[in-house]
Amino acid sequence: MKRKVFFMILGILFSPLFSRESFSEEIAASVVLEDFSSPDEQGLPKGWIAQKETPDPAQVYQIKKEGDRVYLSASGRPNRLFKKIKWNPIEYPFLSWKWRMKKVPVDPQKERRAAVYVSLDRDFFGIPKITKYLWSSLAPVGEEVSGGFTGASTIVVRSGPTQAGEWVTETINVLEDFKRLHGEAPLGEAYGIGIMTSIEADFADFIAHK
């Protein structure tokens, strides 16, 4: 009798319904990288570091709330804000975020733009390899510029005043963009994300997706 029960248990454990995968923790379909719900003592989003002290980052960036949405508002004075955030870009190749341009100037002599920086890896010297996603006042959608060995590569994903004043959601396969623009696949740990604008803009909900 004991032997019969023993083999019944073995059969259950090794059946398709009780495979090893069923005992492992299921990988979430998405990971929230930043929702801007945690300000620091200056009122900036916690963990974000400004590239420069001038203009004052606490004046350039402010966390605001609109209904249930918490977001980061940028005044348009250029000062890059960056946060080291680790996630696995191989498991989560897509990145989504929401952004809203308050107004996109139409000036053929001067480009204005908002940029989201995505760094999925670093080079041999520890310098982040960056892809910048732009909402440009002039450059056409789809334009790509390689940054070479040391600079950031850029991709224009929005252009002009169309949809200015509206929240727009981007969902981009940043892994494929990285491989195409940087010539190799990243390792299994991303470095972080950043923001810089010369347009008044708002940002919300950076999420990594499978």
C-alpha atoms as a PDB file:
ATOM      1  CA  MET A   1       0.000   0.000   0.000  1.00  0.00           C
ATOM      2  CA  LYS A   2       2.804   2.408   0.960  1.00  0.00           C
ATOM      3  CA  ARG A   3       4.604   1.616  -2.277  1.00  0.00           C
ATOM      4  CA  LYS A   4       1.442   2.353  -4.273  1.00  0.00           C
ATOM      5  CA  VAL A   5       1.006   5.746  -2.582  1.00  0.00           C
ATOM      6  CA  PHE A   6       4.700   6.528  -3.195  1.00  0.00           C
ATOM      7  CA  PHE A   7       4.397   5.913  -6.936  1.00  0.00           C
ATOM      8  CA  MET A   8       1.146   7.909  -7.093  1.00  0.00           C
ATOM      9  CA  ILE A   9       2.927  10.925  -5.597  1.00  0.00           C
ATOM     10  CA  LEU A  10       5.800  10.531  -8.049  1.00  0.00           C
ATOM     11  CA  GLY A  11       3.333  10.414 -10.912  1.00  0.00           C
ATOM     12  CA  ILE A  12       1.685  13.643  -9.769  1.00  0.00           C
ATOM     13  CA  LEU A  13       4.979  15.475  -9.278  1.00  0.00           C
ATOM     14  CA  PHE A  14       6.259  14.595 -12.747  1.00  0.00           C
ATOM     15  CA  SER A  15       2.990  15.045 -14.605  1.00  0.00           C
ATOM     16  CA  PRO A  16       2.615  18.034 -17.024  1.00  0.00           C
ATOM     17  CA  LEU A  17       0.275  19.767 -14.560  1.00  0.00           C
ATOM     18  CA  PHE A  18       2.910  19.689 -11.838  1.00  0.00           C
ATOM     19  CA  SER A  19       6.070  20.437 -13.772  1.00  0.00           C
ATOM     20  CA  ARG A  20       9.008  22.216 -12.239  1.00  0.00           C
ATOM     21  CA  GLU A  21       7.850  25.446 -13.810  1.00  0.00           C
ATOM     22  CA  SER A  22       4.677  25.360 -11.748  1.00  0.00           C
ATOM     23  CA  PHE A  23       6.757  25.460  -8.561  1.00  0.00           C
ATOM     24  CA  SER A  24       8.944  28.376  -9.693  1.00  0.00           C
ATOM     25  CA  GLU A  25       7.898  31.966  -9.255  1.00  0.00           C
ATOM     26  CA  GLU A  26       6.164  33.244 -12.379  1.00  0.00           C
ATOM     27  CA  ILE A  27       7.861  36.227 -14.001  1.00  0.00           C
ATOM     28  CA  ALA A  28       5.600  39.282 -13.941  1.00  0.00           C
ATOM     29  CA  ALA A  29       4.380  40.567 -17.285  1.00  0.00           C
ATOM     30  CA  SER A  30       5.602  44.079 -16.483  1.00  0.00           C
ATOM     31  CA  VAL A  31       7.743  45.970 -13.983  1.00  0.00           C
ATOM     32  CA  VAL A  32       7.118  49.569 -12.927  1.00  0.00           C
ATOM     33  CA  LEU A  33      10.454  51.369 -13.170  1.00  0.00           C
ATOM     34  CA  GLU A  34       9.203  54.803 -12.105  1.00  0.00           C
ATOM     35  CA  ASP A  35       5.805  56.289 -11.282  1.00  0.00           C
ATOM     36  CA  PHE A  36       7.072  59.530  -9.653  1.00  0.00           C
ATOM     37  CA  SER A  37       5.139  58.844  -6.457  1.00  0.00           C
ATOM     38  CA  SER A  38       8.184  59.201  -4.139  1.00  0.00           C
ATOM     39  CA  PRO A  39       9.701  62.708  -3.930  1.00  0.00           C
ATOM     40  CA  ASP A  40      12.938  63.431  -2.095  1.00  0.00           C
ATOM     41  CA  GLU A  41      13.559  66.337   0.297  1.00  0.00           C
ATOM     42  CA  GLN A  42      13.943  68.738  -2.658  1.00  0.00           C
ATOM     43  CA  GLY A  43      10.704  67.620  -4.243  1.00  0.00           C
ATOM     44  CA  LEU A  44      12.518  65.790  -7.043  1.00  0.00           C
ATOM     45  CA  PRO A  45      11.727  62.134  -7.754  1.00  0.00           C
ATOM     46  CA  LYS A  46      13.738  59.996  -5.347  1.00  0.00           C
ATOM     47  CA  GLY A  47      16.934  58.537  -6.766  1.00  0.00           C
ATOM     48  CA  TRP A  48      17.129  60.874  -9.762  1.00  0.00           C
ATOM     49  CA  ILE A  49      20.349  62.870 -10.193  1.00  0.00           C
ATOM     50  CA  ALA A  50      20.672  66.111 -12.160  1.00  0.00           C
ATOM     51  CA  GLN A  51      23.557  66.497 -14.592  1.00  0.00           C
ATOM     52  CA  LYS A  52      24.145  70.123 -13.556  1.00  0.00           C
ATOM     53  CA  GLU A  53      23.457  72.335 -10.542  1.00  0.00           C
ATOM     54  CA  THR A  54      22.407  75.204 -12.808  1.00  0.00           C
ATOM     55  CA  PRO A  55      19.625  75.701 -13.666  1.00  0.00           C
ATOM     56  CA  ASP A  56      18.378  74.548 -10.269  1.00  0.00           C
ATOM     57  CA  PRO A  57      16.926  71.054 -10.906  1.00  0.00           C
ATOM     58  CA  ALA A  58      14.258  71.633  -8.241  1.00  0.00           C
ATOM     59  CA  GLN A  59      13.030  74.562 -10.344  1.00  0.00           C
ATOM     60  CA  VAL A  60      13.303  72.717 -13.654  1.00  0.00           C
ATOM     61  CA  TYR A  61      11.464  69.588 -12.489  1.00  0.00           C
ATOM     62  CA  GLN A  62       8.444  69.307 -10.201  1.00  0.00           C
ATOM     63  CA  ILE A  63       6.252  66.367  -9.222  1.00  0.00           C
ATOM     64  CA  LYS A  64       2.586  67.170  -9.796  1.00  0.00           C
ATOM     65  CA  LYS A  65      -0.745  65.394  -9.595  1.00  0.00           C
ATOM     66  CA  GLU A  66      -3.685  65.483 -11.978  1.00  0.00           C
ATOM     67  CA  GLY A  67      -6.629  63.419 -10.781  1.00  0.00           C
ATOM     68  CA  ASP A  68      -5.186  59.981 -10.006  1.00  0.00           C
ATOM     69  CA  ARG A  69      -2.088  60.535 -12.161  1.00  0.00           C
ATOM     70  CA  VAL A  70       1.217  61.540 -10.587  1.00  0.00           C
ATOM     71  CA  TYR A  71       3.722  62.914 -13.073  1.00  0.00           C
ATOM     72  CA  LEU A  72       6.947  64.850 -13.468  1.00  0.00           C
ATOM     73  CA  SER A  73       6.645  68.302 -14.989  1.00  0.00           C
ATOM     74  CA  ALA A  74       9.655  69.787 -16.837  1.00  0.00           C
ATOM     75  CA  SER A  75       9.916  73.537 -17.431  1.00  0.00           C
ATOM     76  CA  GLY A  76      11.918  73.209 -20.650  1.00  0.00           C
ATOM     77  CA  ARG A  77      15.215  74.574 -19.328  1.00  0.00           C
ATOM     78  CA  PRO A  78      17.769  71.892 -20.267  1.00  0.00           C
ATOM     79  CA  ASN A  79      19.198  69.948 -17.338  1.00  0.00           C
ATOM     80  CA  ARG A  80      19.327  66.188 -17.694  1.00  0.00           C
ATOM     81  CA  LEU A  81      17.847  64.094 -14.922  1.00  0.00           C
ATOM     82  CA  PHE A  82      18.944  60.468 -14.696  1.00  0.00           C
ATOM     83  CA  LYS A  83      18.195  57.486 -12.463  1.00  0.00           C
ATOM     84  CA  LYS A  84      20.059  54.217 -12.182  1.00  0.00           C
ATOM     85  CA  ILE A  85      17.403  51.512 -12.474  1.00  0.00           C
ATOM     86  CA  LYS A  86      18.220  47.849 -12.838  1.00  0.00           C
ATOM     87  CA  TRP A  87      15.997  45.550 -14.853  1.00  0.00           C
ATOM     88  CA  ASN A  88      16.588  42.681 -17.262  1.00  0.00           C
ATOM     89  CA  PRO A  89      16.145  43.968 -20.847  1.00  0.00           C
ATOM     90  CA  ILE A  90      16.292  40.437 -22.212  1.00  0.00           C
ATOM     91  CA  GLU A  91      13.233  39.410 -20.164  1.00  0.00           C
ATOM     92  CA  TYR A  92      11.584  42.830 -20.553  1.00  0.00           C
ATOM     93  CA  PRO A  93      12.516  44.145 -24.019  1.00  0.00           C
ATOM     94  CA  PHE A  94       9.698  46.709 -24.234  1.00  0.00           C
ATOM     95  CA  LEU A  95       9.628  50.053 -22.444  1.00  0.00           C
ATOM     96  CA  SER A  96       6.546  52.238 -22.215  1.00  0.00           C
ATOM     97  CA  TRP A  97       6.094  55.741 -20.856  1.00  0.00           C
ATOM     98  CA  LYS A  98       3.615  58.586 -21.064  1.00  0.00           C
ATOM     99  CA  TRP A  99       4.579  62.111 -22.059  1.00  0.00           C
ATOM    100  CA  ARG A 100       2.800  65.347 -22.868  1.00  0.00           C
ATOM    101  CA  MET A 101       4.237  68.389 -24.608  1.00  0.00           C
ATOM    102  CA  LYS A 102       2.578  71.555 -23.341  1.00  0.00           C
ATOM    103  CA  LYS A 103       3.336  73.348 -26.610  1.00  0.00           C
ATOM    104  CA  VAL A 104       5.699  72.539 -29.471  1.00  0.00           C
ATOM    105  CA  PRO A 105       7.108  75.744 -31.049  1.00  0.00           C
ATOM    106  CA  VAL A 106       7.099  75.882 -34.835  1.00  0.00           C
ATOM    107  CA  ASP A 107      10.421  77.550 -35.607  1.00  0.00           C
ATOM    108  CA  PRO A 108      12.247  76.318 -38.738  1.00  0.00           C
ATOM    109  CA  GLN A 109      15.498  77.898 -37.512  1.00  0.00           C
ATOM    110  CA  LYS A 110      15.681  76.211 -34.117  1.00  0.00           C
ATOM    111  CA  GLU A 111      14.861  72.680 -33.027  1.00  0.00           C
ATOM    112  CA  ARG A 112      13.218  72.141 -29.644  1.00  0.00           C
ATOM    113  CA  ARG A 113      12.820  68.653 -28.246  1.00  0.00           C
ATOM    114  CA  ALA A 114      12.079  66.395 -25.327  1.00  0.00           C
ATOM    115  CA  ALA A 115      14.264  63.336 -24.832  1.00  0.00           C
ATOM    116  CA  VAL A 116      13.951  60.067 -22.931  1.00  0.00           C
ATOM    117  CA  TYR A 117      17.329  58.426 -22.333  1.00  0.00           C
ATOM    118  CA  VAL A 118      17.472  54.625 -22.110  1.00  0.00           C
ATOM    119  CA  SER A 119      20.685  52.861 -21.107  1.00  0.00           C
ATOM    120  CA  LEU A 120      20.586  49.074 -21.327  1.00  0.00           C
ATOM    121  CA  ASP A 121      24.321  48.515 -20.828  1.00  0.00           C
ATOM    122  CA  ARG A 122      27.727  50.145 -20.330  1.00  0.00           C
ATOM    123  CA  ASP A 123      30.896  49.981 -22.359  1.00  0.00           C
ATOM    124  CA  PHE A 124      34.296  48.599 -21.360  1.00  0.00           C
ATOM    125  CA  PHE A 125      35.071  51.810 -19.440  1.00  0.00           C
ATOM    126  CA  GLY A 126      31.770  51.791 -17.544  1.00  0.00           C
ATOM    127  CA  ILE A 127      30.234  54.585 -19.633  1.00  0.00           C
ATOM    128  CA  PRO A 128      26.482  54.080 -20.245  1.00  0.00           C
ATOM    129  CA  LYS A 129      25.446  53.170 -23.784  1.00  0.00           C
ATOM    130  CA  ILE A 130      22.466  55.418 -24.399  1.00  0.00           C
ATOM    131  CA  THR A 131      19.609  55.537 -26.865  1.00  0.00           C
ATOM    132  CA  LYS A 132      17.670  58.821 -26.855  1.00  0.00           C
ATOM    133  CA  TYR A 133      14.024  58.819 -27.913  1.00  0.00           C
ATOM    134  CA  LEU A 134      12.950  62.259 -29.107  1.00  0.00           C
ATOM    135  CA  TRP A 135       9.829  64.311 -29.538  1.00  0.00           C
ATOM    136  CA  SER A 136      11.277  66.910 -31.925  1.00  0.00           C
ATOM    137  CA  SER A 137       9.832  70.161 -33.209  1.00  0.00           C
ATOM    138  CA  LEU A 138      11.565  69.717 -36.585  1.00  0.00           C
ATOM    139  CA  ALA A 139      13.184  66.314 -37.199  1.00  0.00           C
ATOM    140  CA  PRO A 140      11.003  63.748 -38.996  1.00  0.00           C
ATOM    141  CA  VAL A 141       9.629  60.663 -37.280  1.00  0.00           C
ATOM    142  CA  GLY A 142      11.891  57.685 -37.842  1.00  0.00           C
ATOM    143  CA  GLU A 143      15.109  59.667 -38.192  1.00  0.00           C
ATOM    144  CA  GLU A 144      18.004  57.839 -36.534  1.00  0.00           C
ATOM    145  CA  VAL A 145      21.473  59.117 -35.731  1.00  0.00           C
ATOM    146  CA  SER A 146      24.219  56.829 -34.477  1.00  0.00           C
ATOM    147  CA  GLY A 147      26.256  58.102 -31.570  1.00  0.00           C
ATOM    148  CA  GLY A 148      29.335  56.152 -32.612  1.00  0.00           C
ATOM    149  CA  PHE A 149      31.544  54.662 -29.922  1.00  0.00           C
ATOM    150  CA  THR A 150      31.003  57.271 -27.207  1.00  0.00           C
ATOM    151  CA  GLY A 151      27.908  59.346 -27.981  1.00  0.00           C
ATOM    152  CA  ALA A 152      24.215  58.669 -27.517  1.00  0.00           C
ATOM    153  CA  SER A 153      22.268  57.356 -30.501  1.00  0.00           C
ATOM    154  CA  THR A 154      18.943  59.049 -31.221  1.00  0.00           C
ATOM    155  CA  ILE A 155      15.580  57.998 -32.636  1.00  0.00           C
ATOM    156  CA  VAL A 156      12.786  60.480 -33.391  1.00  0.00           C
ATOM    157  CA  VAL A 157       9.482  58.927 -32.298  1.00  0.00           C
ATOM    158  CA  ARG A 158       7.281  62.079 -32.389  1.00  0.00           C
ATOM    159  CA  SER A 159       7.553  65.268 -34.417  1.00  0.00           C
ATOM    160  CA  GLY A 160       5.852  68.639 -34.493  1.00  0.00           C
ATOM    161  CA  PRO A 161       2.870  70.087 -32.641  1.00  0.00           C
ATOM    162  CA  THR A 162       0.440  67.292 -33.502  1.00  0.00           C
ATOM    163  CA  GLN A 163      -0.937  65.908 -30.209  1.00  0.00           C
ATOM    164  CA  ALA A 164       0.657  68.706 -28.179  1.00  0.00           C
ATOM    165  CA  GLY A 165      -1.353  69.150 -24.990  1.00  0.00           C
ATOM    166  CA  GLU A 166      -2.352  65.465 -24.958  1.00  0.00           C
ATOM    167  CA  TRP A 167      -0.944  62.558 -22.983  1.00  0.00           C
ATOM    168  CA  VAL A 168       0.699  60.148 -25.432  1.00  0.00           C
ATOM    169  CA  THR A 169       1.850  56.629 -24.555  1.00  0.00           C
ATOM    170  CA  GLU A 170       4.937  55.167 -26.214  1.00  0.00           C
ATOM    171  CA  THR A 171       5.651  51.430 -26.210  1.00  0.00           C
ATOM    172  CA  ILE A 172       9.008  50.659 -27.790  1.00  0.00           C
ATOM    173  CA  ASN A 173      11.143  47.576 -28.212  1.00  0.00           C
ATOM    174  CA  VAL A 174      14.245  49.181 -26.710  1.00  0.00           C
ATOM    175  CA  LEU A 175      16.154  45.889 -26.860  1.00  0.00           C
ATOM    176  CA  GLU A 176      15.897  45.664 -30.656  1.00  0.00           C
ATOM    177  CA  ASP A 177      16.770  49.349 -31.000  1.00  0.00           C
ATOM    178  CA  PHE A 178      19.828  48.848 -28.811  1.00  0.00           C
ATOM    179  CA  LYS A 179      21.046  45.880 -30.847  1.00  0.00           C
ATOM    180  CA  ARG A 180      20.558  47.731 -34.121  1.00  0.00           C
ATOM    181  CA  LEU A 181      22.144  51.031 -33.065  1.00  0.00           C
ATOM    182  CA  HIS A 182      24.894  49.739 -30.797  1.00  0.00           C
ATOM    183  CA  GLY A 183      25.771  46.647 -32.794  1.00  0.00           C
ATOM    184  CA  GLU A 184      25.399  44.075 -30.023  1.00  0.00           C
ATOM    185  CA  ALA A 185      22.977  42.711 -27.445  1.00  0.00           C
ATOM    186  CA  PRO A 186      23.144  44.146 -23.927  1.00  0.00           C
ATOM    187  CA  LEU A 187      23.939  42.052 -20.898  1.00  0.00           C
ATOM    188  CA  GLY A 188      21.183  40.994 -18.523  1.00  0.00           C
ATOM    189  CA  GLU A 189      21.090  44.160 -16.435  1.00  0.00           C
ATOM    190  CA  ALA A 190      20.050  47.600 -17.677  1.00  0.00           C
ATOM    191  CA  TYR A 191      21.696  50.737 -16.301  1.00  0.00           C
ATOM    192  CA  GLY A 192      18.930  53.336 -16.126  1.00  0.00           C
ATOM    193  CA  ILE A 193      16.698  55.970 -17.701  1.00  0.00           C
ATOM    194  CA  GLY A 194      16.855  59.743 -18.050  1.00  0.00           C
ATOM    195  CA  ILE A 195      14.950  62.836 -19.165  1.00  0.00           C
ATOM    196  CA  MET A 196      15.929  66.179 -20.682  1.00  0.00           C
ATOM    197  CA  THR A 197      13.855  68.784 -22.505  1.00  0.00           C
ATOM    198  CA  SER A 198      13.977  72.155 -24.178  1.00  0.00           C
ATOM    199  CA  ILE A 199      10.164  72.091 -24.351  1.00  0.00           C
ATOM    200  CA  GLU A 200       7.683  72.313 -21.493  1.00  0.00           C
ATOM    201  CA  ALA A 201       6.728  68.694 -21.012  1.00  0.00           C
ATOM    202  CA  ASP A 202       5.297  66.145 -18.571  1.00  0.00           C
ATOM    203  CA  PHE A 203       6.348  62.530 -18.024  1.00  0.00           C
ATOM    204  CA  ALA A 204       4.656  59.599 -16.276  1.00  0.00           C
ATOM    205  CA  ASP A 205       4.715  55.830 -15.756  1.00  0.00           C
ATOM    206  CA  PHE A 206       7.926  54.265 -17.043  1.00  0.00           C
ATOM    207  CA  ILE A 207       7.174  50.524 -17.268  1.00  0.00           C
ATOM    208  CA  ALA A 208       9.212  47.597 -18.623  1.00  0.00           C
ATOM    209  CA  HIS A 209       7.217  44.862 -20.419  1.00  0.00           C
ATOM    210  CA  LYS A 210       7.810  41.328 -21.621  1.00  0.00           C
END
